[in-house]
Amino acid sequence: MSVQRLHTNRRMSQIVIHQNTIYLAGQVADDEDLNADCAAQTRSTLAAIEQLLAEAGSDKTRILSVTIYLKDIDADSAAMNSVWDQWLPEGTAPARATVEARLCEPEILVEMSVIAAL
C-alpha cells in the first residue's frame, strides 16, 4: 500500500494520503490574517483546508474528524463556532474535538488538524 505525501519538508507533509484517507497537517491562518481576530483567522484556516482537500481530491463534506486548537477557548470558541457553523454544510458534521493549547506563534489563535475520506 502506497503512501503519497504532498508539500513535504524535513519535518512534515501538509497532505498525506494512505488508502482512501487524507491526513492534513495542522492548518493556521495565512500570514496576512495572523493579526486578525479569531473569526477572521478561522475563515482563513478553513479556506486553507478547503484548498488542500481539493488538491487531494476531496472536499469539506468528506471530513471524518477534526481537532481544533484554540489559544483561548473561553474568549474564542463562540467566534470560531460561528464561522465553522456557516462553513460546514448541514448534515456533514465530522467527529470533532476542541481544546485549548499553546500554539507555535503567539499571534495564532486557531489551528485545525483534519482527517478526511478521499
Protein backbone atom coordinates (compact mmCIF):
# COMPACT_ATOMS: atom_id res chain seq x y z
CA MET A 1 0.00 0.00 0.00
CA SER A 2 1.47 3.26 -1.09
CA VAL A 3 1.64 6.45 0.92
CA GLN A 4 1.50 9.73 -1.00
CA ARG A 5 2.98 12.85 0.63
CA LEU A 6 2.46 16.36 -0.73
CA HIS A 7 4.16 19.62 0.23
CA THR A 8 6.79 17.76 2.21
CA ASN A 9 9.77 19.14 4.05
CA ARG A 10 12.16 17.60 6.54
CA ARG A 11 9.69 17.80 9.44
CA MET A 12 6.26 17.27 7.93
CA SER A 13 3.94 16.91 4.97
CA GLN A 14 0.93 19.19 4.50
CA ILE A 15 -1.04 16.30 2.97
CA VAL A 16 -0.62 12.55 3.46
CA ILE A 17 -2.84 10.13 1.55
CA HIS A 18 -2.98 6.46 2.52
CA GLN A 19 -5.55 4.07 1.11
CA ASN A 20 -8.72 6.20 0.95
CA THR A 21 -7.87 8.56 3.80
CA ILE A 22 -6.39 12.07 3.70
CA TYR A 23 -4.48 13.49 6.67
CA LEU A 24 -3.80 17.23 6.79
CA ALA A 25 -1.14 18.81 8.96
CA GLY A 26 -2.34 21.43 11.41
CA GLN A 27 -3.57 24.43 9.43
CA VAL A 28 -3.48 28.05 10.55
CA ALA A 29 -4.43 31.39 9.01
CA ASP A 30 -2.39 32.90 6.21
CA ASP A 31 0.34 35.29 7.32
CA GLU A 32 -1.69 38.37 6.37
CA ASP A 33 -4.54 37.20 8.64
CA LEU A 34 -2.44 36.47 11.72
CA ASN A 35 -3.07 39.93 13.18
CA ALA A 36 -6.84 39.48 12.78
CA ASP A 37 -9.41 38.26 15.31
CA CYS A 38 -10.35 34.62 15.77
CA ALA A 39 -13.27 34.76 13.30
CA ALA A 40 -11.02 36.05 10.51
CA GLN A 41 -8.30 33.53 11.37
CA THR A 42 -10.89 30.74 11.34
CA ARG A 43 -12.12 31.78 7.87
CA SER A 44 -8.53 31.82 6.59
CA THR A 45 -7.78 28.43 8.17
CA LEU A 46 -10.91 26.86 6.67
CA ALA A 47 -10.02 28.26 3.25
CA ALA A 48 -6.60 26.59 3.51
CA ILE A 49 -8.25 23.31 4.50
CA GLU A 50 -10.63 23.50 1.54
CA GLN A 51 -7.75 24.15 -0.85
CA LEU A 52 -5.68 21.22 0.45
CA LEU A 53 -8.65 18.86 0.40
CA ALA A 54 -9.40 19.85 -3.21
CA GLU A 55 -5.78 19.25 -4.14
CA ALA A 56 -6.00 15.79 -2.58
CA GLY A 57 -9.24 15.01 -4.44
CA SER A 58 -11.77 15.56 -1.65
CA ASP A 59 -13.84 18.32 -0.06
CA LYS A 60 -15.20 19.54 3.27
CA THR A 61 -18.25 17.26 3.11
CA ARG A 62 -15.89 14.27 3.40
CA ILE A 63 -14.14 15.37 6.61
CA LEU A 64 -14.18 12.48 9.07
CA SER A 65 -12.52 14.11 12.06
CA VAL A 66 -11.10 17.48 13.05
CA THR A 67 -9.17 18.61 16.09
CA ILE A 68 -9.42 22.34 16.73
CA TYR A 69 -6.83 24.05 18.91
CA LEU A 70 -7.72 27.46 20.36
CA LYS A 71 -5.29 29.76 22.12
CA ASP A 72 -8.06 30.92 24.47
CA ILE A 73 -11.09 28.62 24.43
CA ASP A 74 -13.19 30.94 26.64
CA ALA A 75 -12.55 34.04 24.55
CA ASP A 76 -12.60 32.49 21.07
CA SER A 77 -14.87 29.43 20.91
CA ALA A 78 -18.04 31.39 20.08
CA ALA A 79 -16.38 33.28 17.20
CA MET A 80 -14.76 30.12 15.84
CA ASN A 81 -18.01 28.13 16.10
CA SER A 82 -19.97 30.86 14.33
CA VAL A 83 -17.64 30.71 11.32
CA TRP A 84 -17.44 26.89 11.45
CA ASP A 85 -21.26 26.56 11.51
CA GLN A 86 -21.61 28.78 8.42
CA TRP A 87 -18.83 26.94 6.56
CA LEU A 88 -19.88 23.33 7.11
CA PRO A 89 -22.91 22.10 5.13
CA GLU A 90 -25.72 20.77 7.30
CA GLY A 91 -25.62 17.02 7.79
CA THR A 92 -21.85 16.71 7.23
CA ALA A 93 -20.53 17.35 10.73
CA PRO A 94 -17.38 15.31 11.43
CA ALA A 95 -16.22 13.87 14.72
CA ARG A 96 -14.63 16.83 16.45
CA ALA A 97 -12.62 17.85 19.48
CA THR A 98 -11.85 21.42 20.52
CA VAL A 99 -9.09 22.06 23.03
CA GLU A 100 -7.16 24.99 24.42
CA ALA A 101 -3.48 24.87 23.54
CA ARG A 102 -0.33 26.94 23.45
CA LEU A 103 0.24 27.35 19.72
CA CYS A 104 3.57 27.74 17.92
CA GLU A 105 3.34 31.53 17.43
CA PRO A 106 1.75 33.99 19.88
CA GLU A 107 -0.43 35.63 17.19
CA ILE A 108 -2.04 32.32 16.13
CA LEU A 109 -5.49 31.99 17.73
CA VAL A 110 -6.75 28.84 16.00
CA GLU A 111 -5.24 25.73 14.38
CA MET A 112 -7.07 22.76 12.85
CA SER A 113 -5.91 19.23 12.05
CA VAL A 114 -8.13 17.26 9.64
CA ILE A 115 -8.69 13.66 8.57
CA ALA A 116 -10.93 13.19 5.53
CA ALA A 117 -12.11 10.49 3.15
CA LEU A 118 -10.75 10.53 -0.38
